[in-house]
Amino acid sequence: MCSENYIFMPQQKTNIETAIMPFKVQQLVEIIMHKKQLDYEAAFAYLYSSDCYKLLLQEESKLWYISGFGIFDMLEEEKKAKMQDNPKILLFFSFCLEKYKDFVPLSAEETLFVFRKYGVFDYLRKGFDVLHTQGENYILNEIDLFIKVRQQ
């Protein structure tokens, strides 16, 4: 007999891989926190923004069978390669962060928090080709507008 108080929830497929994911993510976040000296939120962001995490989700990769330290090493190689591929982006991030903290004004730590909270680094990375060719005032106004839109 069905009651109106119950909501039908479809049965989710559970297998060893989906069951192990929370444990593997926990392990990786702890390693990231320790090795990178990050808090748990930053460690989650560090992991979830990676291609390594996307690969971890793919059943055919079987990546979850590798030790947490092994996956962390892969993650570090990926992050290092991304920055080495384009050191101009890292310089642009630094420029934007330093200039925006004076523009608002905020401390460097507060500015970093705002950039991370509202996804400014992703915005800057995606718009790099156009944004880095613009003047300082234009870039700062674009960042400010982007953050204000995200706050609403």
Protein backbone atom coordinates (compact mmCIF):
# COMPACT_ATOMS: atom_id res chain seq x y z
CA MET A 1 0.00 0.00 0.00
CA CYS A 2 1.42 3.36 -1.03
CA SER A 3 1.12 6.37 1.17
CA GLU A 4 1.08 9.95 -0.04
CA ASN A 5 3.83 10.70 2.47
CA TYR A 6 6.41 8.72 0.54
CA ILE A 7 8.29 10.05 -2.44
CA PHE A 8 9.27 7.50 -5.04
CA MET A 9 13.03 7.40 -5.46
CA PRO A 10 14.43 5.27 -8.30
CA GLN A 11 16.90 2.62 -7.21
CA GLN A 12 20.46 3.71 -7.89
CA LYS A 13 22.96 1.27 -9.31
CA THR A 14 25.47 0.42 -6.61
CA ASN A 15 28.69 -1.37 -7.33
CA ILE A 16 32.09 -1.52 -5.73
CA GLU A 17 33.30 1.51 -7.69
CA THR A 18 30.47 3.82 -6.62
CA ALA A 19 30.68 2.51 -3.08
CA ILE A 20 34.41 3.22 -2.82
CA MET A 21 34.30 6.77 -4.28
CA PRO A 22 33.46 8.62 -1.03
CA PHE A 23 36.33 6.85 0.72
CA LYS A 24 38.75 7.57 -2.12
CA VAL A 25 37.70 11.24 -2.23
CA GLN A 26 38.08 11.50 1.55
CA GLN A 27 41.56 10.01 1.31
CA LEU A 28 42.57 12.35 -1.50
CA VAL A 29 41.20 15.44 0.27
CA GLU A 30 43.14 14.52 3.42
CA ILE A 31 46.33 14.08 1.39
CA ILE A 32 45.76 17.38 -0.42
CA MET A 33 45.08 19.18 2.87
CA HIS A 34 48.27 17.83 4.37
CA LYS A 35 50.60 18.16 1.39
CA LYS A 36 49.29 21.50 0.08
CA GLN A 37 48.47 23.01 3.51
CA LEU A 38 44.88 23.77 2.42
CA ASP A 39 41.64 23.73 4.36
CA TYR A 40 39.06 21.13 3.42
CA GLU A 41 37.06 23.46 1.15
CA ALA A 42 40.13 24.42 -0.84
CA ALA A 43 41.23 20.77 -0.97
CA PHE A 44 37.84 19.72 -2.38
CA ALA A 45 38.05 22.53 -4.95
CA TYR A 46 41.58 21.49 -5.86
CA LEU A 47 40.45 17.91 -6.48
CA TYR A 48 37.09 18.59 -8.12
CA SER A 49 38.53 21.08 -10.60
CA SER A 50 40.92 18.50 -12.02
CA ASP A 51 40.86 16.19 -15.01
CA CYS A 52 42.21 13.56 -12.64
CA TYR A 53 38.92 13.62 -10.72
CA LYS A 54 36.96 13.29 -13.97
CA LEU A 55 39.09 10.29 -14.83
CA LEU A 56 38.44 8.85 -11.38
CA LEU A 57 34.70 8.95 -12.18
CA GLN A 58 35.11 6.93 -15.37
CA GLU A 59 34.42 3.30 -14.63
CA GLU A 60 36.70 2.04 -17.38
CA SER A 61 39.73 3.91 -15.98
CA LYS A 62 39.78 1.79 -12.80
CA LEU A 63 41.71 4.69 -11.27
CA TRP A 64 40.11 4.15 -7.84
CA TYR A 65 42.28 1.03 -7.44
CA ILE A 66 45.43 3.18 -7.32
CA SER A 67 46.56 4.36 -3.89
CA GLY A 68 45.56 7.82 -2.75
CA PHE A 69 49.20 8.90 -2.89
CA GLY A 70 49.48 7.57 -6.44
CA ILE A 71 46.41 9.53 -7.53
CA PHE A 72 47.72 12.61 -5.70
CA ASP A 73 50.98 12.35 -7.67
CA MET A 74 48.96 12.18 -10.90
CA LEU A 75 46.93 15.18 -9.77
CA GLU A 76 50.10 17.17 -9.03
CA GLU A 77 51.56 16.33 -12.43
CA GLU A 78 48.34 17.51 -14.08
CA LYS A 79 48.29 20.80 -12.14
CA LYS A 80 51.97 21.41 -12.80
CA ALA A 81 51.57 20.69 -16.51
CA LYS A 82 48.62 23.07 -16.82
CA MET A 83 50.60 25.94 -15.34
CA GLN A 84 53.75 25.10 -17.30
CA ASP A 85 51.74 24.93 -20.50
CA ASN A 86 50.88 28.57 -20.11
CA PRO A 87 52.83 30.58 -17.53
CA LYS A 88 51.14 33.67 -18.99
CA ILE A 89 47.88 32.58 -17.38
CA LEU A 90 49.54 32.34 -13.96
CA LEU A 91 51.02 35.80 -14.46
CA PHE A 92 47.58 37.09 -15.52
CA PHE A 93 45.96 35.53 -12.42
CA SER A 94 48.59 37.21 -10.24
CA PHE A 95 48.11 40.54 -11.98
CA CYS A 96 44.32 40.38 -11.58
CA LEU A 97 44.46 39.34 -7.95
CA GLU A 98 47.00 42.01 -6.99
CA LYS A 99 45.24 44.79 -8.87
CA TYR A 100 41.75 43.80 -7.74
CA LYS A 101 42.74 43.75 -4.04
CA ASP A 102 43.73 47.41 -4.36
CA PHE A 103 40.71 48.25 -6.52
CA VAL A 104 38.15 47.03 -3.97
CA PRO A 105 40.17 47.37 -1.44
CA LEU A 106 40.63 44.03 0.31
CA SER A 107 43.54 42.11 1.78
CA ALA A 108 45.25 39.55 -0.44
CA GLU A 109 43.67 36.74 1.61
CA GLU A 110 40.17 38.26 1.31
CA THR A 111 40.63 38.77 -2.42
CA LEU A 112 41.73 35.18 -2.89
CA PHE A 113 38.66 34.03 -0.94
CA VAL A 114 36.36 36.12 -3.19
CA PHE A 115 38.05 34.87 -6.36
CA ARG A 116 37.65 31.26 -5.27
CA LYS A 117 34.12 31.66 -3.91
CA TYR A 118 32.76 33.21 -7.10
CA GLY A 119 34.81 31.27 -9.67
CA VAL A 120 36.85 34.24 -10.87
CA PHE A 121 39.86 32.10 -11.79
CA ASP A 122 37.72 29.95 -14.10
CA TYR A 123 36.25 33.11 -15.62
CA LEU A 124 39.73 34.54 -16.17
CA ARG A 125 41.02 31.28 -17.64
CA LYS A 126 38.09 30.97 -20.07
CA GLY A 127 38.30 34.63 -21.08
CA PHE A 128 42.08 34.85 -21.09
CA ASP A 129 42.48 35.26 -24.86
CA VAL A 130 40.37 38.42 -24.85
CA LEU A 131 40.80 39.75 -21.33
CA HIS A 132 44.60 39.82 -21.24
CA THR A 133 44.63 42.15 -24.24
CA GLN A 134 42.50 44.77 -22.46
CA GLY A 135 43.52 47.63 -20.22
CA GLU A 136 43.72 47.39 -16.44
CA ASN A 137 40.52 49.38 -15.78
CA TYR A 138 38.53 47.25 -18.19
CA ILE A 139 39.77 44.02 -16.61
CA LEU A 140 39.07 45.21 -13.07
CA ASN A 141 35.58 46.40 -14.00
CA GLU A 142 34.86 43.06 -15.70
CA ILE A 143 36.00 41.13 -12.64
CA ASP A 144 33.93 43.37 -10.39
CA LEU A 145 30.84 42.97 -12.56
CA PHE A 146 31.34 39.19 -12.73
CA ILE A 147 31.52 38.98 -8.92
CA LYS A 148 28.47 41.22 -8.43
CA VAL A 149 26.41 39.10 -10.82
CA ARG A 150 27.50 35.93 -8.98
CA GLN A 151 26.57 37.47 -5.61
CA GLN A 152 22.94 37.93 -6.68
